[in-house]
């Protein structure tokens, strides 16, 4: 196997020059994978919505997404939360306030 010589960096990387045929998917296979992701996302939100519907505090999807991200990334700020969830900074701030009150 020929590799790329990175002598300036003191490294020799053995990267194949031709892609591995096992890693190339046909358009049909990609379409099927995207369809499965879409269906999985729909099933996830159906389950989450079912749990949120009976919530007396009226927490919604934004609250669920924020709680999920805050658990995985402690110390996440309002700006970062807004960017990750697609909320405005004002919306993210409101969601955080409602979560702390819940």
PDB file of N, CA and C in Angstrom:
ATOM      1  N   UNK A   1       0.845  -1.172   0.000  1.00  0.00           N
ATOM      2  CA  UNK A   1       0.000   0.000   0.000  1.00  0.00           C
ATOM      3  C   UNK A   1       0.891   1.237   0.000  1.00  0.00           C
ATOM      4  N   UNK A   2       0.613   2.157  -0.893  1.00  0.00           N
ATOM      5  CA  UNK A   2       1.344   3.423  -0.912  1.00  0.00           C
ATOM      6  C   UNK A   2       0.692   4.372   0.065  1.00  0.00           C
ATOM      7  N   UNK A   3       1.484   5.209   0.672  1.00  0.00           N
ATOM      8  CA  UNK A   3       0.951   6.152   1.642  1.00  0.00           C
ATOM      9  C   UNK A   3       1.360   7.571   1.320  1.00  0.00           C
ATOM     10  N   UNK A   4       0.913   8.485   2.126  1.00  0.00           N
ATOM     11  CA  UNK A   4       1.265   9.889   1.995  1.00  0.00           C
ATOM     12  C   UNK A   4       2.393  10.167   2.973  1.00  0.00           C
ATOM     13  N   UNK A   5       3.491  10.713   2.501  1.00  0.00           N
ATOM     14  CA  UNK A   5       4.661  10.965   3.328  1.00  0.00           C
ATOM     15  C   UNK A   5       4.598  12.384   3.873  1.00  0.00           C
ATOM     16  N   UNK A   6       4.487  12.503   5.170  1.00  0.00           N
ATOM     17  CA  UNK A   6       4.424  13.815   5.825  1.00  0.00           C
ATOM     18  C   UNK A   6       5.703  14.020   6.621  1.00  0.00           C
ATOM     19  N   UNK A   7       6.830  14.033   5.951  1.00  0.00           N
ATOM     20  CA  UNK A   7       8.130  14.097   6.631  1.00  0.00           C
ATOM     21  C   UNK A   7       8.310  15.385   7.421  1.00  0.00           C
ATOM     22  N   UNK A   8       7.740  16.466   6.932  1.00  0.00           N
ATOM     23  CA  UNK A   8       7.868  17.731   7.666  1.00  0.00           C
ATOM     24  C   UNK A   8       7.265  17.618   9.057  1.00  0.00           C
ATOM     25  N   UNK A   9       6.214  16.828   9.183  1.00  0.00           N
ATOM     26  CA  UNK A   9       5.557  16.630  10.467  1.00  0.00           C
ATOM     27  C   UNK A   9       6.129  15.450  11.235  1.00  0.00           C
ATOM     28  N   UNK A  10       7.029  14.726  10.591  1.00  0.00           N
ATOM     29  CA  UNK A  10       7.593  13.555  11.226  1.00  0.00           C
ATOM     30  C   UNK A  10       6.638  12.382  11.247  1.00  0.00           C
ATOM     31  N   UNK A  11       5.683  12.367  10.325  1.00  0.00           N
ATOM     32  CA  UNK A  11       4.674  11.313  10.277  1.00  0.00           C
ATOM     33  C   UNK A  11       4.648  10.660   8.907  1.00  0.00           C
ATOM     34  N   UNK A  12       4.310   9.408   8.878  1.00  0.00           N
ATOM     35  CA  UNK A  12       4.013   8.729   7.628  1.00  0.00           C
ATOM     36  C   UNK A  12       2.621   8.142   7.764  1.00  0.00           C
ATOM     37  N   UNK A  13       1.679   8.626   6.966  1.00  0.00           N
ATOM     38  CA  UNK A  13       0.302   8.163   7.013  1.00  0.00           C
ATOM     39  C   UNK A  13       0.074   7.159   5.901  1.00  0.00           C
ATOM     40  N   UNK A  14      -0.419   6.016   6.248  1.00  0.00           N
ATOM     41  CA  UNK A  14      -0.743   5.012   5.234  1.00  0.00           C
ATOM     42  C   UNK A  14      -2.219   5.122   4.881  1.00  0.00           C
ATOM     43  N   UNK A  15      -2.490   5.936   3.894  1.00  0.00           N
ATOM     44  CA  UNK A  15      -3.853   6.168   3.435  1.00  0.00           C
ATOM     45  C   UNK A  15      -3.993   5.572   2.051  1.00  0.00           C
ATOM     46  N   UNK A  16      -4.947   4.658   1.851  1.00  0.00           N
ATOM     47  CA  UNK A  16      -5.118   4.106   0.514  1.00  0.00           C
ATOM     48  C   UNK A  16      -5.494   5.200  -0.485  1.00  0.00           C
ATOM     49  N   UNK A  17      -4.978   5.093  -1.679  1.00  0.00           N
ATOM     50  CA  UNK A  17      -5.251   6.099  -2.692  1.00  0.00           C
ATOM     51  C   UNK A  17      -6.619   5.913  -3.336  1.00  0.00           C
ATOM     52  N   UNK A  18      -7.143   4.697  -3.338  1.00  0.00           N
ATOM     53  CA  UNK A  18      -8.465   4.429  -3.915  1.00  0.00           C
ATOM     54  C   UNK A  18      -9.437   4.131  -2.762  1.00  0.00           C
ATOM     55  N   UNK A  19     -10.678   4.600  -2.844  1.00  0.00           N
ATOM     56  CA  UNK A  19     -11.639   4.311  -1.776  1.00  0.00           C
ATOM     57  C   UNK A  19     -11.966   2.825  -1.718  1.00  0.00           C
ATOM     58  N   UNK A  20     -12.285   2.387  -0.538  1.00  0.00           N
ATOM     59  CA  UNK A  20     -12.674   0.993  -0.324  1.00  0.00           C
ATOM     60  C   UNK A  20     -14.090   0.804  -0.874  1.00  0.00           C
ATOM     61  N   UNK A  21     -14.257  -0.133  -1.782  1.00  0.00           N
ATOM     62  CA  UNK A  21     -15.562  -0.354  -2.422  1.00  0.00           C
ATOM     63  C   UNK A  21     -16.643  -0.717  -1.412  1.00  0.00           C
ATOM     64  N   UNK A  22     -16.261  -1.270  -0.263  1.00  0.00           N
ATOM     65  CA  UNK A  22     -17.262  -1.638   0.749  1.00  0.00           C
ATOM     66  C   UNK A  22     -17.871  -0.418   1.420  1.00  0.00           C
ATOM     67  N   UNK A  23     -17.231   0.748   1.301  1.00  0.00           N
ATOM     68  CA  UNK A  23     -17.707   1.952   1.967  1.00  0.00           C
ATOM     69  C   UNK A  23     -18.567   2.833   1.063  1.00  0.00           C
ATOM     70  N   UNK A  24     -18.739   2.453  -0.174  1.00  0.00           N
ATOM     71  CA  UNK A  24     -19.509   3.249  -1.119  1.00  0.00           C
ATOM     72  C   UNK A  24     -20.913   2.663  -1.222  1.00  0.00           C
ATOM     73  N   UNK A  25     -21.918   3.488  -0.928  1.00  0.00           N
ATOM     74  CA  UNK A  25     -23.305   3.041  -0.987  1.00  0.00           C
ATOM     75  C   UNK A  25     -23.958   3.521  -2.278  1.00  0.00           C
ATOM     76  N   UNK A  26     -24.879   2.739  -2.743  1.00  0.00           N
ATOM     77  CA  UNK A  26     -25.637   3.151  -3.921  1.00  0.00           C
ATOM     78  C   UNK A  26     -26.660   4.208  -3.510  1.00  0.00           C
ATOM     79  N   UNK A  27     -27.224   4.883  -4.492  1.00  0.00           N
ATOM     80  CA  UNK A  27     -28.245   5.891  -4.205  1.00  0.00           C
ATOM     81  C   UNK A  27     -29.441   5.268  -3.498  1.00  0.00           C
ATOM     82  N   UNK A  28     -29.824   4.063  -3.902  1.00  0.00           N
ATOM     83  CA  UNK A  28     -30.952   3.382  -3.251  1.00  0.00           C
ATOM     84  C   UNK A  28     -30.656   3.095  -1.783  1.00  0.00           C
ATOM     85  N   UNK A  29     -29.442   2.636  -1.500  1.00  0.00           N
ATOM     86  CA  UNK A  29     -29.070   2.337  -0.111  1.00  0.00           C
ATOM     87  C   UNK A  29     -29.056   3.612   0.727  1.00  0.00           C
ATOM     88  N   UNK A  30     -28.560   4.720   0.160  1.00  0.00           N
ATOM     89  CA  UNK A  30     -28.574   5.992   0.881  1.00  0.00           C
ATOM     90  C   UNK A  30     -30.002   6.469   1.128  1.00  0.00           C
ATOM     91  N   UNK A  31     -30.866   6.338   0.130  1.00  0.00           N
ATOM     92  CA  UNK A  31     -32.265   6.730   0.289  1.00  0.00           C
ATOM     93  C   UNK A  31     -32.941   5.913   1.384  1.00  0.00           C
ATOM     94  N   UNK A  32     -32.664   4.613   1.427  1.00  0.00           N
ATOM     95  CA  UNK A  32     -33.254   3.757   2.459  1.00  0.00           C
ATOM     96  C   UNK A  32     -32.752   4.156   3.844  1.00  0.00           C
ATOM     97  N   UNK A  33     -31.465   4.473   3.960  1.00  0.00           N
ATOM     98  CA  UNK A  33     -30.905   4.886   5.246  1.00  0.00           C
ATOM     99  C   UNK A  33     -31.529   6.202   5.707  1.00  0.00           C
ATOM    100  N   UNK A  34     -31.679   7.165   4.805  1.00  0.00           N
ATOM    101  CA  UNK A  34     -32.297   8.436   5.160  1.00  0.00           C
ATOM    102  C   UNK A  34     -33.752   8.243   5.574  1.00  0.00           C
ATOM    103  N   UNK A  35     -34.454   7.353   4.885  1.00  0.00           N
ATOM    104  CA  UNK A  35     -35.839   7.057   5.240  1.00  0.00           C
ATOM    105  C   UNK A  35     -35.912   6.462   6.645  1.00  0.00           C
ATOM    106  N   UNK A  36     -34.989   5.557   6.974  1.00  0.00           N
ATOM    107  CA  UNK A  36     -34.973   4.966   8.313  1.00  0.00           C
ATOM    108  C   UNK A  36     -34.691   6.011   9.380  1.00  0.00           C
ATOM    109  N   UNK A  37     -33.772   6.946   9.116  1.00  0.00           N
ATOM    110  CA  UNK A  37     -33.513   8.021  10.071  1.00  0.00           C
ATOM    111  C   UNK A  37     -34.753   8.876  10.276  1.00  0.00           C
ATOM    112  N   UNK A  38     -35.451   9.191   9.195  1.00  0.00           N
ATOM    113  CA  UNK A  38     -36.655  10.004   9.285  1.00  0.00           C
ATOM    114  C   UNK A  38     -37.732   9.297  10.104  1.00  0.00           C
ATOM    115  N   UNK A  39     -37.928   8.004   9.842  1.00  0.00           N
ATOM    116  CA  UNK A  39     -38.930   7.241  10.587  1.00  0.00           C
ATOM    117  C   UNK A  39     -38.539   7.089  12.054  1.00  0.00           C
ATOM    118  N   UNK A  40     -37.252   6.910  12.323  1.00  0.00           N
ATOM    119  CA  UNK A  40     -36.791   6.795  13.705  1.00  0.00           C
ATOM    120  C   UNK A  40     -37.007   8.107  14.454  1.00  0.00           C
ATOM    121  N   UNK A  41     -36.741   9.229  13.786  1.00  0.00           N
ATOM    122  CA  UNK A  41     -36.961  10.532  14.413  1.00  0.00           C
ATOM    123  C   UNK A  41     -38.447  10.739  14.707  1.00  0.00           C
ATOM    124  N   UNK A  42     -39.297  10.369  13.769  1.00  0.00           N
ATOM    125  CA  UNK A  42     -40.741  10.504  13.981  1.00  0.00           C
ATOM    126  C   UNK A  42     -41.198   9.653  15.163  1.00  0.00           C
ATOM    127  N   UNK A  43     -40.680   8.431  15.268  1.00  0.00           N
ATOM    128  CA  UNK A  43     -41.037   7.555  16.391  1.00  0.00           C
ATOM    129  C   UNK A  43     -40.546   8.134  17.706  1.00  0.00           C
ATOM    130  N   UNK A  44     -39.357   8.706  17.705  1.00  0.00           N
ATOM    131  CA  UNK A  44     -38.816   9.318  18.916  1.00  0.00           C
ATOM    132  C   UNK A  44     -39.703  10.458  19.393  1.00  0.00           C
ATOM    133  N   UNK A  45     -40.090  11.350  18.463  1.00  0.00           N
ATOM    134  CA  UNK A  45     -40.897  12.501  18.859  1.00  0.00           C
ATOM    135  C   UNK A  45     -42.315  12.088  19.235  1.00  0.00           C
ATOM    136  N   UNK A  46     -42.846  11.040  18.621  1.00  0.00           N
ATOM    137  CA  UNK A  46     -44.160  10.549  19.012  1.00  0.00           C
ATOM    138  C   UNK A  46     -44.125  10.065  20.455  1.00  0.00           C
ATOM    139  N   UNK A  47     -43.072   9.342  20.811  1.00  0.00           N
ATOM    140  CA  UNK A  47     -42.911   8.860  22.181  1.00  0.00           C
ATOM    141  C   UNK A  47     -42.721  10.023  23.144  1.00  0.00           C
ATOM    142  N   UNK A  48     -41.858  10.957  22.778  1.00  0.00           N
ATOM    143  CA  UNK A  48     -41.604  12.116  23.648  1.00  0.00           C
ATOM    144  C   UNK A  48     -42.866  12.957  23.812  1.00  0.00           C
ATOM    145  N   UNK A  49     -43.584  13.191  22.718  1.00  0.00           N
ATOM    146  CA  UNK A  49     -44.819  13.973  22.798  1.00  0.00           C
ATOM    147  C   UNK A  49     -45.849  13.291  23.676  1.00  0.00           C
ATOM    148  N   UNK A  50     -45.929  11.964  23.606  1.00  0.00           N
ATOM    149  CA  UNK A  50     -46.872  11.226  24.451  1.00  0.00           C
ATOM    150  C   UNK A  50     -46.580  11.436  25.922  1.00  0.00           C
ATOM    151  N   UNK A  51     -45.310  11.457  26.283  1.00  0.00           N
ATOM    152  CA  UNK A  51     -44.939  11.706  27.669  1.00  0.00           C
ATOM    153  C   UNK A  51     -45.149  13.143  28.080  1.00  0.00           C
ATOM    154  N   UNK A  52     -44.978  14.059  27.140  1.00  0.00           N
ATOM    155  CA  UNK A  52     -45.120  15.475  27.462  1.00  0.00           C
ATOM    156  C   UNK A  52     -46.581  15.925  27.509  1.00  0.00           C
ATOM    157  N   UNK A  53     -47.466  15.234  26.793  1.00  0.00           N
ATOM    158  CA  UNK A  53     -48.875  15.631  26.751  1.00  0.00           C
ATOM    159  C   UNK A  53     -49.528  15.600  28.124  1.00  0.00           C
ATOM    160  N   UNK A  54     -49.165  14.613  28.938  1.00  0.00           N
ATOM    161  CA  UNK A  54     -49.778  14.490  30.258  1.00  0.00           C
ATOM    162  C   UNK A  54     -49.090  15.315  31.327  1.00  0.00           C
ATOM    163  N   UNK A  55     -48.105  16.119  30.955  1.00  0.00           N
ATOM    164  CA  UNK A  55     -47.345  16.899  31.923  1.00  0.00           C
ATOM    165  C   UNK A  55     -48.166  18.091  32.402  1.00  0.00           C
ATOM    166  N   UNK A  56     -48.447  18.175  33.702  1.00  0.00           N
ATOM    167  CA  UNK A  56     -49.250  19.300  34.206  1.00  0.00           C
ATOM    168  C   UNK A  56     -48.511  20.638  34.114  1.00  0.00           C
ATOM    169  N   UNK A  57     -47.185  20.612  33.980  1.00  0.00           N
ATOM    170  CA  UNK A  57     -46.422  21.860  33.913  1.00  0.00           C
ATOM    171  C   UNK A  57     -46.325  22.400  32.488  1.00  0.00           C
ATOM    172  N   UNK A  58     -46.905  21.673  31.534  1.00  0.00           N
ATOM    173  CA  UNK A  58     -46.953  22.098  30.131  1.00  0.00           C
ATOM    174  C   UNK A  58     -45.564  22.303  29.522  1.00  0.00           C
ATOM    175  N   UNK A  59     -44.655  21.382  29.822  1.00  0.00           N
ATOM    176  CA  UNK A  59     -43.345  21.434  29.183  1.00  0.00           C
ATOM    177  C   UNK A  59     -43.463  20.801  27.806  1.00  0.00           C
ATOM    178  N   UNK A  60     -42.716  21.328  26.845  1.00  0.00           N
ATOM    179  CA  UNK A  60     -42.831  20.841  25.471  1.00  0.00           C
ATOM    180  C   UNK A  60     -41.508  20.343  24.917  1.00  0.00           C
ATOM    181  N   UNK A  61     -41.456  20.252  23.602  1.00  0.00           N
ATOM    182  CA  UNK A  61     -40.263  19.730  22.922  1.00  0.00           C
ATOM    183  C   UNK A  61     -39.019  20.551  23.211  1.00  0.00           C
ATOM    184  N   UNK A  62     -39.164  21.859  23.247  1.00  0.00           N
ATOM    185  CA  UNK A  62     -38.002  22.711  23.526  1.00  0.00           C
ATOM    186  C   UNK A  62     -37.417  22.400  24.892  1.00  0.00           C
ATOM    187  N   UNK A  63     -38.296  22.166  25.859  1.00  0.00           N
ATOM    188  CA  UNK A  63     -37.844  21.832  27.206  1.00  0.00           C
ATOM    189  C   UNK A  63     -37.140  20.472  27.208  1.00  0.00           C
ATOM    190  N   UNK A  64     -37.684  19.531  26.468  1.00  0.00           N
ATOM    191  CA  UNK A  64     -37.108  18.195  26.380  1.00  0.00           C
ATOM    192  C   UNK A  64     -35.716  18.261  25.759  1.00  0.00           C
ATOM    193  N   UNK A  65     -35.590  18.998  24.652  1.00  0.00           N
ATOM    194  CA  UNK A  65     -34.289  19.123  23.991  1.00  0.00           C
ATOM    195  C   UNK A  65     -33.280  19.813  24.899  1.00  0.00           C
ATOM    196  N   UNK A  66     -33.725  20.875  25.570  1.00  0.00           N
ATOM    197  CA  UNK A  66     -32.826  21.601  26.469  1.00  0.00           C
ATOM    198  C   UNK A  66     -32.384  20.712  27.629  1.00  0.00           C
ATOM    199  N   UNK A  67     -33.314  19.986  28.238  1.00  0.00           N
ATOM    200  CA  UNK A  67     -32.960  19.104  29.356  1.00  0.00           C
ATOM    201  C   UNK A  67     -31.981  18.025  28.898  1.00  0.00           C
ATOM    202  N   UNK A  68     -32.208  17.478  27.728  1.00  0.00           N
ATOM    203  CA  UNK A  68     -31.314  16.458  27.180  1.00  0.00           C
ATOM    204  C   UNK A  68     -29.907  17.016  27.008  1.00  0.00           C
ATOM    205  N   UNK A  69     -29.797  18.190  26.392  1.00  0.00           N
ATOM    206  CA  UNK A  69     -28.491  18.791  26.144  1.00  0.00           C
ATOM    207  C   UNK A  69     -27.803  19.209  27.435  1.00  0.00           C
ATOM    208  N   UNK A  70     -28.571  19.733  28.381  1.00  0.00           N
ATOM    209  CA  UNK A  70     -27.984  20.170  29.652  1.00  0.00           C
ATOM    210  C   UNK A  70     -27.457  18.986  30.454  1.00  0.00           C
ATOM    211  N   UNK A  71     -28.122  17.849  30.355  1.00  0.00           N
ATOM    212  CA  UNK A  71     -27.633  16.661  31.054  1.00  0.00           C
ATOM    213  C   UNK A  71     -26.322  16.182  30.444  1.00  0.00           C
ATOM    214  N   UNK A  72     -26.227  16.252  29.124  1.00  0.00           N
ATOM    215  CA  UNK A  72     -25.022  15.772  28.442  1.00  0.00           C
ATOM    216  C   UNK A  72     -23.896  16.795  28.448  1.00  0.00           C
ATOM    217  N   UNK A  73     -24.232  18.074  28.601  1.00  0.00           N
ATOM    218  CA  UNK A  73     -23.223  19.145  28.571  1.00  0.00           C
ATOM    219  C   UNK A  73     -23.448  20.098  29.740  1.00  0.00           C
ATOM    220  N   UNK A  74     -23.069  19.697  30.935  1.00  0.00           N
ATOM    221  CA  UNK A  74     -23.257  20.567  32.099  1.00  0.00           C
ATOM    222  C   UNK A  74     -22.564  21.916  31.888  1.00  0.00           C
ATOM    223  N   UNK A  75     -23.206  22.980  32.343  1.00  0.00           N
ATOM    224  CA  UNK A  75     -22.632  24.313  32.211  1.00  0.00           C
ATOM    225  C   UNK A  75     -22.889  24.968  30.876  1.00  0.00           C
ATOM    226  N   UNK A  76     -23.724  24.364  30.058  1.00  0.00           N
ATOM    227  CA  UNK A  76     -24.054  24.917  28.741  1.00  0.00           C
ATOM    228  C   UNK A  76     -24.755  26.259  28.925  1.00  0.00           C
ATOM    229  N   UNK A  77     -24.284  27.272  28.223  1.00  0.00           N
ATOM    230  CA  UNK A  77     -24.860  28.607  28.349  1.00  0.00           C
ATOM    231  C   UNK A  77     -26.058  28.820  27.437  1.00  0.00           C
ATOM    232  N   UNK A  78     -26.707  29.956  27.642  1.00  0.00           N
ATOM    233  CA  UNK A  78     -27.909  30.291  26.871  1.00  0.00           C
ATOM    234  C   UNK A  78     -27.591  30.394  25.385  1.00  0.00           C
ATOM    235  N   UNK A  79     -26.493  31.051  25.050  1.00  0.00           N
ATOM    236  CA  UNK A  79     -26.146  31.235  23.635  1.00  0.00           C
ATOM    237  C   UNK A  79     -25.894  29.891  22.952  1.00  0.00           C
ATOM    238  N   UNK A  80     -25.123  29.023  23.611  1.00  0.00           N
ATOM    239  CA  UNK A  80     -24.829  27.704  23.030  1.00  0.00           C
ATOM    240  C   UNK A  80     -26.102  26.867  22.925  1.00  0.00           C
ATOM    241  N   UNK A  81     -26.947  26.940  23.950  1.00  0.00           N
ATOM    242  CA  UNK A  81     -28.213  26.205  23.914  1.00  0.00           C
ATOM    243  C   UNK A  81     -29.082  26.694  22.758  1.00  0.00           C
ATOM    244  N   UNK A  82     -29.119  27.993  22.556  1.00  0.00           N
ATOM    245  CA  UNK A  82     -29.904  28.558  21.454  1.00  0.00           C
ATOM    246  C   UNK A  82     -29.381  28.059  20.111  1.00  0.00           C
ATOM    247  N   UNK A  83     -28.072  28.027  19.945  1.00  0.00           N
ATOM    248  CA  UNK A  83     -27.496  27.568  18.681  1.00  0.00           C
ATOM    249  C   UNK A  83     -27.784  26.087  18.441  1.00  0.00           C
ATOM    250  N   UNK A  84     -27.686  25.278  19.490  1.00  0.00           N
ATOM    251  CA  UNK A  84     -27.883  23.837  19.331  1.00  0.00           C
ATOM    252  C   UNK A  84     -29.339  23.461  19.084  1.00  0.00           C
ATOM    253  N   UNK A  85     -30.266  24.215  19.648  1.00  0.00           N
ATOM    254  CA  UNK A  85     -31.681  23.867  19.544  1.00  0.00           C
ATOM    255  C   UNK A  85     -32.417  24.640  18.460  1.00  0.00           C
ATOM    256  N   UNK A  86     -31.798  25.679  17.927  1.00  0.00           N
ATOM    257  CA  UNK A  86     -32.471  26.487  16.918  1.00  0.00           C
ATOM    258  C   UNK A  86     -33.420  27.516  17.520  1.00  0.00           C
ATOM    259  N   UNK A  87     -33.348  27.691  18.825  1.00  0.00           N
ATOM    260  CA  UNK A  87     -34.173  28.703  19.487  1.00  0.00           C
ATOM    261  C   UNK A  87     -33.461  30.045  19.435  1.00  0.00           C
ATOM    262  N   UNK A  88     -34.219  31.117  19.627  1.00  0.00           N
ATOM    263  CA  UNK A  88     -33.582  32.417  19.804  1.00  0.00           C
ATOM    264  C   UNK A  88     -32.973  32.439  21.205  1.00  0.00           C
ATOM    265  N   UNK A  89     -32.095  33.405  21.467  1.00  0.00           N
ATOM    266  CA  UNK A  89     -31.513  33.495  22.813  1.00  0.00           C
ATOM    267  C   UNK A  89     -32.607  33.765  23.839  1.00  0.00           C
ATOM    268  N   UNK A  90     -33.590  34.571  23.461  1.00  0.00           N
ATOM    269  CA  UNK A  90     -34.705  34.865  24.361  1.00  0.00           C
ATOM    270  C   UNK A  90     -35.510  33.594  24.630  1.00  0.00           C
ATOM    271  N   UNK A  91     -35.753  32.798  23.587  1.00  0.00           N
ATOM    272  CA  UNK A  91     -36.493  31.546  23.745  1.00  0.00           C
ATOM    273  C   UNK A  91     -35.735  30.545  24.603  1.00  0.00           C
ATOM    274  N   UNK A  92     -34.423  30.445  24.388  1.00  0.00           N
ATOM    275  CA  UNK A  92     -33.607  29.533  25.189  1.00  0.00           C
ATOM    276  C   UNK A  92     -33.597  29.964  26.653  1.00  0.00           C
ATOM    277  N   UNK A  93     -33.527  31.258  26.880  1.00  0.00           N
ATOM    278  CA  UNK A  93     -33.549  31.778  28.249  1.00  0.00           C
ATOM    279  C   UNK A  93     -34.877  31.455  28.930  1.00  0.00           C
ATOM    280  N   UNK A  94     -35.971  31.611  28.187  1.00  0.00           N
ATOM    281  CA  UNK A  94     -37.300  31.301  28.737  1.00  0.00           C
ATOM    282  C   UNK A  94     -37.416  29.818  29.076  1.00  0.00           C
ATOM    283  N   UNK A  95     -36.933  28.962  28.180  1.00  0.00           N
ATOM    284  CA  UNK A  95     -36.982  27.525  28.414  1.00  0.00           C
ATOM    285  C   UNK A  95     -36.168  27.160  29.654  1.00  0.00           C
ATOM    286  N   UNK A  96     -34.979  27.732  29.800  1.00  0.00           N
ATOM    287  CA  UNK A  96     -34.156  27.458  30.982  1.00  0.00           C
ATOM    288  C   UNK A  96     -34.858  27.904  32.258  1.00  0.00           C
ATOM    289  N   UNK A  97     -35.482  29.066  32.213  1.00  0.00           N
ATOM    290  CA  UNK A  97     -36.202  29.577  33.393  1.00  0.00           C
ATOM    291  C   UNK A  97     -37.350  28.635  33.764  1.00  0.00           C
ATOM    292  N   UNK A  98     -38.099  28.187  32.749  1.00  0.00           N
ATOM    293  CA  UNK A  98     -39.228  27.285  33.010  1.00  0.00           C
ATOM    294  C   UNK A  98     -38.751  25.936  33.524  1.00  0.00           C
ATOM    295  N   UNK A  99     -37.598  25.460  33.037  1.00  0.00           N
ATOM    296  CA  UNK A  99     -37.065  24.186  33.534  1.00  0.00           C
ATOM    297  C   UNK A  99     -36.632  24.307  34.994  1.00  0.00           C
ATOM    298  N   UNK A 100     -36.042  25.424  35.360  1.00  0.00           N
ATOM    299  CA  UNK A 100     -35.607  25.599  36.752  1.00  0.00           C
ATOM    300  C   UNK A 100     -36.799  25.733  37.688  1.00  0.00           C
ATOM    301  N   UNK A 101     -37.910  26.237  37.188  1.00  0.00           N
ATOM    302  CA  UNK A 101     -39.119  26.384  38.003  1.00  0.00           C
ATOM    303  C   UNK A 101     -39.900  25.075  38.088  1.00  0.00           C
ATOM    304  N   UNK A 102     -39.668  24.169  37.162  1.00  0.00           N
ATOM    305  CA  UNK A 102     -40.426  22.911  37.115  1.00  0.00           C
ATOM    306  C   UNK A 102     -39.996  21.954  38.219  1.00  0.00           C
TER     307      UNK A 102
END
